[in-house]
Amino acid sequence: MSPVAWPPRPTVRSACGSTTLVVEPLAASLRRLTVGGVDLVEPTDTMPGVPGMAGAILAPWPNRVEDARWWHDGRRHELDVSEPELGNANHGLLAGRRFDIVRQQRAAIVLGTIIRRPPGYPFELDVVVVYRVDHRGVTVTTDVVNVGAERAPVALGAHPYLRLGEQPVEALRLSVDATHAYRLDKRHIPRERFPVDGTSSDLRRPRLVAEAPGHATLMREDADGELVHRLGADDGTQLELWADPAYRWTQLYRADAFPTEHGEARVALAVEPMTAPPNALRTREGLRWLDAGERWSVSWGIRLTG
């Protein structure tokens, strides 16, 4: 895999020509997704960096590690503190990484990078991310191979901000396929899991984004079948964020002043599929342990349904 010039803006279209996808190598991030002229994610392809982690791929863990330290085989491992205001390691190891472009086709783009025993994570992984578009949206597949000699703990996630064209996000209705939620402390670390029945965290029926929790970690207890989260408007327009059963955890984050390509700020909603909850390196909850040579491949996507 050869390095590419920065900032590349590879764009692929589906065969029907109604879907446009823009992905950038920085964090293999999804920067624009338009179906039939309707933006399904916050467009950030004209903006520098990855504002608000928009569309970033999160690996080898999503979300936070408390105090940026964890223990394995009796040894303490120290990660970089990437969230200094709270003292945590956040968003994995690839947030600042420029992936290589492995292959670019009309309806697909493949990006790859490597993890080779960085500070705090003494393991070796090859990571490949594949974006495929069709007439309804995009499928994102993350493929991880343990190329090291010992078992490696892995969890994956993504950080898309959803939208429906120009409609105000706070006026849309959100539903989340989750049966449980976590009580988070002031540093956004889970302390207790509870059923959502009868609580403000129950989003199985659509609720206005303005009335939904602004910061929440949710999960579906069973691992059977595809998860489907929905964002819909009163005019019947609707998108679905679907995910493999491995993505049983979902992080919600409402940004009240998300920067836009036109310079103003707006409310934005991140619905983040995750294969483990925050602090998984410490709690072990949801971790996938890959043996030497083992491959793990999981998918999620966004589709326009209304």
C-alpha atoms as a PDB file:
ATOM      1  CA  MET A   1       0.000   0.000   0.000  1.00  0.00           C
ATOM      2  CA  SER A   2       1.591   3.237  -1.128  1.00  0.00           C
ATOM      3  CA  PRO A   3       1.040   6.615   0.540  1.00  0.00           C
ATOM      4  CA  VAL A   4      -1.244   9.131  -1.167  1.00  0.00           C
ATOM      5  CA  ALA A   5      -1.102  12.891  -1.471  1.00  0.00           C
ATOM      6  CA  TRP A   6      -3.044  14.955   1.062  1.00  0.00           C
ATOM      7  CA  PRO A   7      -5.772  16.051   0.920  1.00  0.00           C
ATOM      8  CA  PRO A   8      -7.195  13.582  -1.600  1.00  0.00           C
ATOM      9  CA  ARG A   9     -10.978  13.642  -2.083  1.00  0.00           C
ATOM     10  CA  PRO A  10     -11.869  10.323  -3.741  1.00  0.00           C
ATOM     11  CA  THR A  11     -15.485  10.229  -4.864  1.00  0.00           C
ATOM     12  CA  VAL A  12     -17.405   7.186  -6.067  1.00  0.00           C
ATOM     13  CA  ARG A  13     -20.900   6.929  -7.555  1.00  0.00           C
ATOM     14  CA  SER A  14     -23.304   4.070  -7.791  1.00  0.00           C
ATOM     15  CA  ALA A  15     -24.268   2.704 -11.194  1.00  0.00           C
ATOM     16  CA  CYS A  16     -27.624   4.507 -11.057  1.00  0.00           C
ATOM     17  CA  GLY A  17     -25.859   7.799 -10.434  1.00  0.00           C
ATOM     18  CA  SER A  18     -28.102   8.833  -7.525  1.00  0.00           C
ATOM     19  CA  THR A  19     -25.626   8.125  -4.710  1.00  0.00           C
ATOM     20  CA  THR A  20     -22.476  10.128  -4.071  1.00  0.00           C
ATOM     21  CA  LEU A  21     -19.922   9.129  -1.476  1.00  0.00           C
ATOM     22  CA  VAL A  22     -16.886  11.123  -0.381  1.00  0.00           C
ATOM     23  CA  VAL A  23     -14.298   9.417   1.820  1.00  0.00           C
ATOM     24  CA  GLU A  24     -10.959  10.829   2.946  1.00  0.00           C
ATOM     25  CA  PRO A  25      -7.904   8.893   4.115  1.00  0.00           C
ATOM     26  CA  LEU A  26      -7.681  10.768   7.436  1.00  0.00           C
ATOM     27  CA  ALA A  27      -9.282   8.258   9.849  1.00  0.00           C
ATOM     28  CA  ALA A  28     -10.816   6.598   6.738  1.00  0.00           C
ATOM     29  CA  SER A  29     -13.609   9.062   7.384  1.00  0.00           C
ATOM     30  CA  LEU A  30     -16.996   9.328   5.671  1.00  0.00           C
ATOM     31  CA  ARG A  31     -17.176  12.984   4.625  1.00  0.00           C
ATOM     32  CA  ARG A  32     -20.319  13.123   2.455  1.00  0.00           C
ATOM     33  CA  LEU A  33     -23.168  10.765   1.548  1.00  0.00           C
ATOM     34  CA  THR A  34     -25.922  11.983  -0.768  1.00  0.00           C
ATOM     35  CA  VAL A  35     -28.780   9.886  -2.138  1.00  0.00           C
ATOM     36  CA  GLY A  36     -31.107  11.452  -4.667  1.00  0.00           C
ATOM     37  CA  GLY A  37     -29.817  14.896  -3.712  1.00  0.00           C
ATOM     38  CA  VAL A  38     -30.470  14.339   0.013  1.00  0.00           C
ATOM     39  CA  ASP A  39     -27.511  14.569   2.419  1.00  0.00           C
ATOM     40  CA  LEU A  40     -27.589  11.638   4.857  1.00  0.00           C
ATOM     41  CA  VAL A  41     -24.540  12.698   6.896  1.00  0.00           C
ATOM     42  CA  GLU A  42     -23.173  16.098   7.823  1.00  0.00           C
ATOM     43  CA  PRO A  43     -21.065  17.109   4.789  1.00  0.00           C
ATOM     44  CA  THR A  44     -17.510  17.909   5.855  1.00  0.00           C
ATOM     45  CA  ASP A  45     -15.545  17.178   2.684  1.00  0.00           C
ATOM     46  CA  THR A  46     -14.659  20.851   2.177  1.00  0.00           C
ATOM     47  CA  MET A  47     -13.474  21.268   5.782  1.00  0.00           C
ATOM     48  CA  PRO A  48      -9.954  20.592   7.123  1.00  0.00           C
ATOM     49  CA  GLY A  49      -9.255  17.813   9.579  1.00  0.00           C
ATOM     50  CA  VAL A  50     -12.064  15.658  10.931  1.00  0.00           C
ATOM     51  CA  PRO A  51     -14.410  18.109  12.722  1.00  0.00           C
ATOM     52  CA  GLY A  52     -16.082  16.435  15.680  1.00  0.00           C
ATOM     53  CA  MET A  53     -14.615  13.092  14.525  1.00  0.00           C
ATOM     54  CA  ALA A  54     -17.227  13.212  11.729  1.00  0.00           C
ATOM     55  CA  GLY A  55     -17.393   9.866   9.950  1.00  0.00           C
ATOM     56  CA  ALA A  56     -14.167   8.532  11.475  1.00  0.00           C
ATOM     57  CA  ILE A  57     -13.442   4.823  11.827  1.00  0.00           C
ATOM     58  CA  LEU A  58     -12.647   3.931  15.448  1.00  0.00           C
ATOM     59  CA  ALA A  59     -10.185   1.111  16.168  1.00  0.00           C
ATOM     60  CA  PRO A  60      -8.862  -0.885  17.955  1.00  0.00           C
ATOM     61  CA  TRP A  61     -11.371   0.435  20.463  1.00  0.00           C
ATOM     62  CA  PRO A  62     -14.225   2.953  20.204  1.00  0.00           C
ATOM     63  CA  ASN A  63     -15.019   5.676  22.695  1.00  0.00           C
ATOM     64  CA  ARG A  64     -13.001   6.021  25.929  1.00  0.00           C
ATOM     65  CA  VAL A  65     -10.438   4.268  28.090  1.00  0.00           C
ATOM     66  CA  GLU A  66     -10.542   5.616  31.637  1.00  0.00           C
ATOM     67  CA  ASP A  67      -7.360   7.406  32.725  1.00  0.00           C
ATOM     68  CA  ALA A  68      -5.771   6.236  29.434  1.00  0.00           C
ATOM     69  CA  ARG A  69      -4.509   3.075  31.107  1.00  0.00           C
ATOM     70  CA  TRP A  70      -5.469  -0.588  31.228  1.00  0.00           C
ATOM     71  CA  TRP A  71      -4.000  -3.915  32.345  1.00  0.00           C
ATOM     72  CA  HIS A  72      -3.228  -7.115  30.462  1.00  0.00           C
ATOM     73  CA  ASP A  73      -1.355 -10.221  31.665  1.00  0.00           C
ATOM     74  CA  GLY A  74      -0.362  -8.424  34.852  1.00  0.00           C
ATOM     75  CA  ARG A  75       1.141  -5.425  33.043  1.00  0.00           C
ATOM     76  CA  ARG A  76      -0.123  -1.850  32.999  1.00  0.00           C
ATOM     77  CA  HIS A  77      -0.354  -0.215  29.584  1.00  0.00           C
ATOM     78  CA  GLU A  78      -0.309   3.578  29.201  1.00  0.00           C
ATOM     79  CA  LEU A  79      -2.107   5.140  26.229  1.00  0.00           C
ATOM     80  CA  ASP A  80      -1.869   8.714  25.009  1.00  0.00           C
ATOM     81  CA  VAL A  81      -4.336  11.019  26.764  1.00  0.00           C
ATOM     82  CA  SER A  82      -6.339  12.230  23.761  1.00  0.00           C
ATOM     83  CA  GLU A  83      -9.126  13.764  25.877  1.00  0.00           C
ATOM     84  CA  PRO A  84      -7.085  15.902  28.301  1.00  0.00           C
ATOM     85  CA  GLU A  85     -10.070  17.710  29.795  1.00  0.00           C
ATOM     86  CA  LEU A  86     -11.312  14.366  31.166  1.00  0.00           C
ATOM     87  CA  GLY A  87      -8.027  12.469  31.335  1.00  0.00           C
ATOM     88  CA  ASN A  88      -9.110   9.660  29.010  1.00  0.00           C
ATOM     89  CA  ALA A  89      -7.866   8.010  25.840  1.00  0.00           C
ATOM     90  CA  ASN A  90     -10.634   8.498  23.282  1.00  0.00           C
ATOM     91  CA  HIS A  91     -11.584   7.224  19.806  1.00  0.00           C
ATOM     92  CA  GLY A  92      -8.925   4.545  19.406  1.00  0.00           C
ATOM     93  CA  LEU A  93      -5.572   4.843  17.657  1.00  0.00           C
ATOM     94  CA  LEU A  94      -6.538   5.849  14.106  1.00  0.00           C
ATOM     95  CA  ALA A  95      -8.178   9.252  14.574  1.00  0.00           C
ATOM     96  CA  GLY A  96      -5.072  11.036  13.294  1.00  0.00           C
ATOM     97  CA  ARG A  97      -3.962   8.340  10.860  1.00  0.00           C
ATOM     98  CA  ARG A  98      -3.998   8.810   7.105  1.00  0.00           C
ATOM     99  CA  PHE A  99      -5.017   5.509   5.551  1.00  0.00           C
ATOM    100  CA  ASP A 100      -3.587   4.352   2.225  1.00  0.00           C
ATOM    101  CA  ILE A 101      -5.921   4.073  -0.748  1.00  0.00           C
ATOM    102  CA  VAL A 102      -5.748   0.391  -1.692  1.00  0.00           C
ATOM    103  CA  ARG A 103      -8.316   0.434  -4.484  1.00  0.00           C
ATOM    104  CA  GLN A 104     -10.789   2.924  -5.966  1.00  0.00           C
ATOM    105  CA  GLN A 105     -13.656   1.880  -8.232  1.00  0.00           C
ATOM    106  CA  ARG A 106     -16.850   3.435  -9.528  1.00  0.00           C
ATOM    107  CA  ALA A 107     -18.961   2.172  -6.624  1.00  0.00           C
ATOM    108  CA  ALA A 108     -16.363   1.227  -4.014  1.00  0.00           C
ATOM    109  CA  ILE A 109     -13.261   2.496  -2.289  1.00  0.00           C
ATOM    110  CA  VAL A 110     -10.864   0.469  -0.133  1.00  0.00           C
ATOM    111  CA  LEU A 111      -8.510   2.006   2.426  1.00  0.00           C
ATOM    112  CA  GLY A 112      -5.973   0.325   4.666  1.00  0.00           C
ATOM    113  CA  THR A 113      -3.505   0.934   7.473  1.00  0.00           C
ATOM    114  CA  ILE A 114      -1.442  -0.968  10.018  1.00  0.00           C
ATOM    115  CA  ILE A 115      -1.100  -0.932  13.790  1.00  0.00           C
ATOM    116  CA  ARG A 116       2.337  -2.064  14.959  1.00  0.00           C
ATOM    117  CA  ARG A 117       2.705  -2.115  18.751  1.00  0.00           C
ATOM    118  CA  PRO A 118       2.155   1.591  19.472  1.00  0.00           C
ATOM    119  CA  PRO A 119       2.560   2.861  23.058  1.00  0.00           C
ATOM    120  CA  GLY A 120      -0.089   1.327  25.292  1.00  0.00           C
ATOM    121  CA  TYR A 121      -1.259  -1.291  22.780  1.00  0.00           C
ATOM    122  CA  PRO A 122       1.417  -3.995  22.258  1.00  0.00           C
ATOM    123  CA  PHE A 123      -0.280  -5.775  19.347  1.00  0.00           C
ATOM    124  CA  GLU A 124      -0.073  -5.881  15.558  1.00  0.00           C
ATOM    125  CA  LEU A 125      -3.104  -5.486  13.309  1.00  0.00           C
ATOM    126  CA  ASP A 126      -3.835  -4.892   9.650  1.00  0.00           C
ATOM    127  CA  VAL A 127      -6.995  -2.796   9.205  1.00  0.00           C
ATOM    128  CA  VAL A 128      -8.902  -2.482   5.906  1.00  0.00           C
ATOM    129  CA  VAL A 129     -12.066  -0.406   5.465  1.00  0.00           C
ATOM    130  CA  VAL A 130     -14.309  -0.916   2.431  1.00  0.00           C
ATOM    131  CA  TYR A 131     -17.014   1.567   1.409  1.00  0.00           C
ATOM    132  CA  ARG A 132     -19.569   0.280  -1.137  1.00  0.00           C
ATOM    133  CA  VAL A 133     -22.406   2.393  -2.512  1.00  0.00           C
ATOM    134  CA  ASP A 134     -25.709   1.408  -4.080  1.00  0.00           C
ATOM    135  CA  HIS A 135     -28.888   3.235  -5.050  1.00  0.00           C
ATOM    136  CA  ARG A 136     -29.967   3.583  -1.391  1.00  0.00           C
ATOM    137  CA  GLY A 137     -26.765   4.425   0.468  1.00  0.00           C
ATOM    138  CA  VAL A 138     -23.508   2.898   1.653  1.00  0.00           C
ATOM    139  CA  THR A 139     -22.194  -0.265   3.310  1.00  0.00           C
ATOM    140  CA  VAL A 140     -19.038   0.079   5.414  1.00  0.00           C
ATOM    141  CA  THR A 141     -17.041  -3.070   6.174  1.00  0.00           C
ATOM    142  CA  THR A 142     -14.075  -3.070   8.549  1.00  0.00           C
ATOM    143  CA  ASP A 143     -11.724  -6.019   8.254  1.00  0.00           C
ATOM    144  CA  VAL A 144      -9.101  -6.621  10.961  1.00  0.00           C
ATOM    145  CA  VAL A 145      -6.353  -9.256  10.890  1.00  0.00           C
ATOM    146  CA  ASN A 146      -4.121 -10.052  13.849  1.00  0.00           C
ATOM    147  CA  VAL A 147      -0.688 -10.303  12.230  1.00  0.00           C
ATOM    148  CA  GLY A 148       1.105 -10.561  15.557  1.00  0.00           C
ATOM    149  CA  ALA A 149       2.154 -13.595  17.551  1.00  0.00           C
ATOM    150  CA  GLU A 150      -0.270 -13.247  20.489  1.00  0.00           C
ATOM    151  CA  ARG A 151      -3.988 -12.796  21.056  1.00  0.00           C
ATOM    152  CA  ALA A 152      -5.110  -9.213  20.585  1.00  0.00           C
ATOM    153  CA  PRO A 153      -8.154  -7.443  22.130  1.00  0.00           C
ATOM    154  CA  VAL A 154     -10.155  -5.555  19.496  1.00  0.00           C
ATOM    155  CA  ALA A 155     -13.315  -3.455  19.401  1.00  0.00           C
ATOM    156  CA  LEU A 156     -14.547  -1.338  16.497  1.00  0.00           C
ATOM    157  CA  GLY A 157     -16.763   1.662  15.934  1.00  0.00           C
ATOM    158  CA  ALA A 158     -17.627   4.552  13.638  1.00  0.00           C
ATOM    159  CA  HIS A 159     -18.650   8.170  14.210  1.00  0.00           C
ATOM    160  CA  PRO A 160     -21.188   9.311  11.574  1.00  0.00           C
ATOM    161  CA  TYR A 161     -23.327  12.425  12.100  1.00  0.00           C
ATOM    162  CA  LEU A 162     -26.734  11.762  10.534  1.00  0.00           C
ATOM    163  CA  ARG A 163     -29.007  14.263   8.807  1.00  0.00           C
ATOM    164  CA  LEU A 164     -31.863  14.421   6.289  1.00  0.00           C
ATOM    165  CA  GLY A 165     -31.093  17.116   3.767  1.00  0.00           C
ATOM    166  CA  GLU A 166     -31.645  20.628   5.065  1.00  0.00           C
ATOM    167  CA  GLN A 167     -34.177  19.703   7.754  1.00  0.00           C
ATOM    168  CA  PRO A 168     -33.184  20.770  11.299  1.00  0.00           C
ATOM    169  CA  VAL A 169     -31.843  17.699  13.065  1.00  0.00           C
ATOM    170  CA  GLU A 170     -33.500  18.577  16.376  1.00  0.00           C
ATOM    171  CA  ALA A 171     -36.936  18.446  14.682  1.00  0.00           C
ATOM    172  CA  LEU A 172     -36.394  14.902  13.326  1.00  0.00           C
ATOM    173  CA  ARG A 173     -37.569  11.754  15.084  1.00  0.00           C
ATOM    174  CA  LEU A 174     -35.034   9.210  16.279  1.00  0.00           C
ATOM    175  CA  SER A 175     -35.409   5.562  17.226  1.00  0.00           C
ATOM    176  CA  VAL A 176     -32.581   3.377  18.540  1.00  0.00           C
ATOM    177  CA  ASP A 177     -32.611  -0.426  18.573  1.00  0.00           C
ATOM    178  CA  ALA A 178     -31.532  -0.856  22.201  1.00  0.00           C
ATOM    179  CA  THR A 179     -32.886  -2.616  25.282  1.00  0.00           C
ATOM    180  CA  HIS A 180     -30.396  -1.324  27.866  1.00  0.00           C
ATOM    181  CA  ALA A 181     -28.511   1.853  28.729  1.00  0.00           C
ATOM    182  CA  TYR A 182     -25.560   2.774  30.950  1.00  0.00           C
ATOM    183  CA  ARG A 183     -25.309   5.313  33.725  1.00  0.00           C
ATOM    184  CA  LEU A 184     -22.284   7.425  32.850  1.00  0.00           C
ATOM    185  CA  ASP A 185     -20.166   9.340  35.339  1.00  0.00           C
ATOM    186  CA  LYS A 186     -18.967  12.917  34.786  1.00  0.00           C
ATOM    187  CA  ARG A 187     -16.126  11.629  32.613  1.00  0.00           C
ATOM    188  CA  HIS A 188     -18.570   9.664  30.401  1.00  0.00           C
ATOM    189  CA  ILE A 189     -17.388   6.299  31.779  1.00  0.00           C
ATOM    190  CA  PRO A 190     -20.123   3.640  32.239  1.00  0.00           C
ATOM    191  CA  ARG A 191     -20.776   2.645  35.841  1.00  0.00           C
ATOM    192  CA  GLU A 192     -24.002   0.641  35.681  1.00  0.00           C
ATOM    193  CA  ARG A 193     -26.202  -0.975  33.038  1.00  0.00           C
ATOM    194  CA  PHE A 194     -29.996  -0.919  33.301  1.00  0.00           C
ATOM    195  CA  PRO A 195     -33.056  -1.842  31.186  1.00  0.00           C
ATOM    196  CA  VAL A 196     -34.491   1.136  29.305  1.00  0.00           C
ATOM    197  CA  ASP A 197     -38.130   0.141  29.978  1.00  0.00           C
ATOM    198  CA  GLY A 198     -39.994   3.079  31.494  1.00  0.00           C
ATOM    199  CA  THR A 199     -36.966   5.399  31.422  1.00  0.00           C
ATOM    200  CA  SER A 200     -36.007   8.444  29.370  1.00  0.00           C
ATOM    201  CA  SER A 201     -33.391   6.255  27.676  1.00  0.00           C
ATOM    202  CA  ASP A 202     -36.020   4.143  25.903  1.00  0.00           C
ATOM    203  CA  LEU A 203     -35.762   5.164  22.258  1.00  0.00           C
ATOM    204  CA  ARG A 204     -37.318   2.097  20.691  1.00  0.00           C
ATOM    205  CA  ARG A 205     -40.262   4.279  19.686  1.00  0.00           C
ATOM    206  CA  PRO A 206     -39.424   7.431  17.681  1.00  0.00           C
ATOM    207  CA  ARG A 207     -38.794  10.581  19.694  1.00  0.00           C
ATOM    208  CA  LEU A 208     -37.823  14.084  18.698  1.00  0.00           C
ATOM    209  CA  VAL A 209     -34.049  14.493  18.712  1.00  0.00           C
ATOM    210  CA  ALA A 210     -34.522  17.640  20.808  1.00  0.00           C
ATOM    211  CA  GLU A 211     -36.179  15.492  23.509  1.00  0.00           C
ATOM    212  CA  ALA A 212     -33.770  12.526  23.353  1.00  0.00           C
ATOM    213  CA  PRO A 213     -30.711  12.189  25.604  1.00  0.00           C
ATOM    214  CA  GLY A 214     -27.868  14.328  24.311  1.00  0.00           C
ATOM    215  CA  HIS A 215     -25.179  11.910  25.459  1.00  0.00           C
ATOM    216  CA  ALA A 216     -25.971   8.240  26.007  1.00  0.00           C
ATOM    217  CA  THR A 217     -24.504   4.754  25.700  1.00  0.00           C
ATOM    218  CA  LEU A 218     -27.109   2.163  24.708  1.00  0.00           C
ATOM    219  CA  MET A 219     -27.010  -1.536  23.870  1.00  0.00           C
ATOM    220  CA  ARG A 220     -29.223  -4.346  22.640  1.00  0.00           C
ATOM    221  CA  GLU A 221     -28.997  -7.341  24.913  1.00  0.00           C
ATOM    222  CA  ASP A 222     -29.591 -10.053  22.321  1.00  0.00           C
ATOM    223  CA  ALA A 223     -27.198 -10.560  19.433  1.00  0.00           C
ATOM    224  CA  ASP A 224     -29.719 -11.911  16.928  1.00  0.00           C
ATOM    225  CA  GLY A 225     -30.292 -10.164  13.629  1.00  0.00           C
ATOM    226  CA  GLU A 226     -29.406  -6.800  12.180  1.00  0.00           C
ATOM    227  CA  LEU A 227     -29.725  -3.693  14.332  1.00  0.00           C
ATOM    228  CA  VAL A 228     -31.645  -0.804  12.770  1.00  0.00           C
ATOM    229  CA  HIS A 229     -31.714   2.786  14.063  1.00  0.00           C
ATOM    230  CA  ARG A 230     -33.955   5.297  12.293  1.00  0.00           C
ATOM    231  CA  LEU A 231     -34.073   9.051  11.751  1.00  0.00           C
ATOM    232  CA  GLY A 232     -37.249  10.378  10.154  1.00  0.00           C
ATOM    233  CA  ALA A 233     -39.086  13.549   9.210  1.00  0.00           C
ATOM    234  CA  ASP A 234     -42.770  14.410   9.259  1.00  0.00           C
ATOM    235  CA  ASP A 235     -42.893  14.350   5.445  1.00  0.00           C
ATOM    236  CA  GLY A 236     -42.064  10.633   5.439  1.00  0.00           C
ATOM    237  CA  THR A 237     -38.374  10.972   4.547  1.00  0.00           C
ATOM    238  CA  GLN A 238     -36.393   8.475   6.599  1.00  0.00           C
ATOM    239  CA  LEU A 239     -32.937   6.975   6.831  1.00  0.00           C
ATOM    240  CA  GLU A 240     -31.759   3.855   8.579  1.00  0.00           C
ATOM    241  CA  LEU A 241     -28.406   3.180  10.158  1.00  0.00           C
ATOM    242  CA  TRP A 242     -28.174  -0.605  10.162  1.00  0.00           C
ATOM    243  CA  ALA A 243     -25.427  -2.749  11.654  1.00  0.00           C
ATOM    244  CA  ASP A 244     -24.313  -6.339  12.045  1.00  0.00           C
ATOM    245  CA  PRO A 245     -25.231  -7.970  15.391  1.00  0.00           C
ATOM    246  CA  ALA A 246     -21.637  -7.428  16.534  1.00  0.00           C
ATOM    247  CA  TYR A 247     -22.456  -3.704  16.786  1.00  0.00           C
ATOM    248  CA  ARG A 248     -24.754  -4.198  19.780  1.00  0.00           C
ATOM    249  CA  TRP A 249     -23.631  -0.939  21.411  1.00  0.00           C
ATOM    250  CA  THR A 250     -24.617   2.531  20.219  1.00  0.00           C
ATOM    251  CA  GLN A 251     -23.282   5.892  21.354  1.00  0.00           C
ATOM    252  CA  LEU A 252     -25.495   8.973  20.962  1.00  0.00           C
ATOM    253  CA  TYR A 253     -23.948  12.409  20.949  1.00  0.00           C
ATOM    254  CA  ARG A 254     -25.765  15.643  20.138  1.00  0.00           C
ATOM    255  CA  ALA A 255     -23.448  18.510  19.230  1.00  0.00           C
ATOM    256  CA  ASP A 256     -25.239  21.822  19.718  1.00  0.00           C
ATOM    257  CA  ALA A 257     -22.730  23.876  17.695  1.00  0.00           C
ATOM    258  CA  PHE A 258     -21.391  21.640  14.950  1.00  0.00           C
ATOM    259  CA  PRO A 259     -19.390  23.603  12.338  1.00  0.00           C
ATOM    260  CA  THR A 260     -20.752  23.581   8.791  1.00  0.00           C
ATOM    261  CA  GLU A 261     -19.122  24.074   5.412  1.00  0.00           C
ATOM    262  CA  HIS A 262     -20.842  27.479   5.157  1.00  0.00           C
ATOM    263  CA  GLY A 263     -19.309  28.762   8.386  1.00  0.00           C
ATOM    264  CA  GLU A 264     -22.366  28.761  10.644  1.00  0.00           C
ATOM    265  CA  ALA A 265     -23.038  26.249  13.423  1.00  0.00           C
ATOM    266  CA  ARG A 266     -25.973  23.871  13.719  1.00  0.00           C
ATOM    267  CA  VAL A 267     -27.200  21.012  15.874  1.00  0.00           C
ATOM    268  CA  ALA A 268     -25.749  17.676  14.733  1.00  0.00           C
ATOM    269  CA  LEU A 269     -26.434  14.132  15.889  1.00  0.00           C
ATOM    270  CA  ALA A 270     -23.824  11.374  16.006  1.00  0.00           C
ATOM    271  CA  VAL A 271     -25.220   7.831  16.092  1.00  0.00           C
ATOM    272  CA  GLU A 272     -22.149   5.656  16.581  1.00  0.00           C
ATOM    273  CA  PRO A 273     -22.260   1.876  16.055  1.00  0.00           C
ATOM    274  CA  MET A 274     -19.794   0.109  18.370  1.00  0.00           C
ATOM    275  CA  THR A 275     -18.854  -3.514  19.030  1.00  0.00           C
ATOM    276  CA  ALA A 276     -18.080  -2.730  22.687  1.00  0.00           C
ATOM    277  CA  PRO A 277     -19.044  -0.057  25.211  1.00  0.00           C
ATOM    278  CA  PRO A 278     -16.773   2.714  26.507  1.00  0.00           C
ATOM    279  CA  ASN A 279     -13.895   1.499  28.719  1.00  0.00           C
ATOM    280  CA  ALA A 280     -13.933  -1.976  27.193  1.00  0.00           C
ATOM    281  CA  LEU A 281     -10.161  -2.403  27.405  1.00  0.00           C
ATOM    282  CA  ARG A 282     -10.514  -2.185  31.187  1.00  0.00           C
ATOM    283  CA  THR A 283     -13.820  -3.994  31.717  1.00  0.00           C
ATOM    284  CA  ARG A 284     -13.365  -6.554  28.884  1.00  0.00           C
ATOM    285  CA  GLU A 285     -17.069  -6.150  28.036  1.00  0.00           C
ATOM    286  CA  GLY A 286     -17.687  -6.742  24.338  1.00  0.00           C
ATOM    287  CA  LEU A 287     -14.019  -7.237  23.412  1.00  0.00           C
ATOM    288  CA  ARG A 288     -13.205  -9.571  20.546  1.00  0.00           C
ATOM    289  CA  TRP A 289      -9.976 -11.480  21.192  1.00  0.00           C
ATOM    290  CA  LEU A 290      -8.283 -12.328  17.904  1.00  0.00           C
ATOM    291  CA  ASP A 291      -5.842 -15.228  17.837  1.00  0.00           C
ATOM    292  CA  ALA A 292      -2.634 -14.899  15.851  1.00  0.00           C
ATOM    293  CA  GLY A 293      -3.565 -14.899  12.164  1.00  0.00           C
ATOM    294  CA  GLU A 294      -7.295 -14.547  12.838  1.00  0.00           C
ATOM    295  CA  ARG A 295      -9.465 -12.248  10.698  1.00  0.00           C
ATOM    296  CA  TRP A 296     -12.612 -10.399  11.844  1.00  0.00           C
ATOM    297  CA  SER A 297     -14.950  -8.603   9.465  1.00  0.00           C
ATOM    298  CA  VAL A 298     -18.052  -6.594  10.443  1.00  0.00           C
ATOM    299  CA  SER A 299     -20.338  -4.209   8.563  1.00  0.00           C
ATOM    300  CA  TRP A 300     -22.732  -1.318   9.082  1.00  0.00           C
ATOM    301  CA  GLY A 301     -24.349   1.129   6.716  1.00  0.00           C
ATOM    302  CA  ILE A 302     -26.718   4.000   6.018  1.00  0.00           C
ATOM    303  CA  ARG A 303     -29.668   3.789   3.638  1.00  0.00           C
ATOM    304  CA  LEU A 304     -32.494   6.081   2.572  1.00  0.00           C
ATOM    305  CA  THR A 305     -35.821   4.307   3.001  1.00  0.00           C
ATOM    306  CA  GLY A 306     -38.523   6.978   2.709  1.00  0.00           C
END
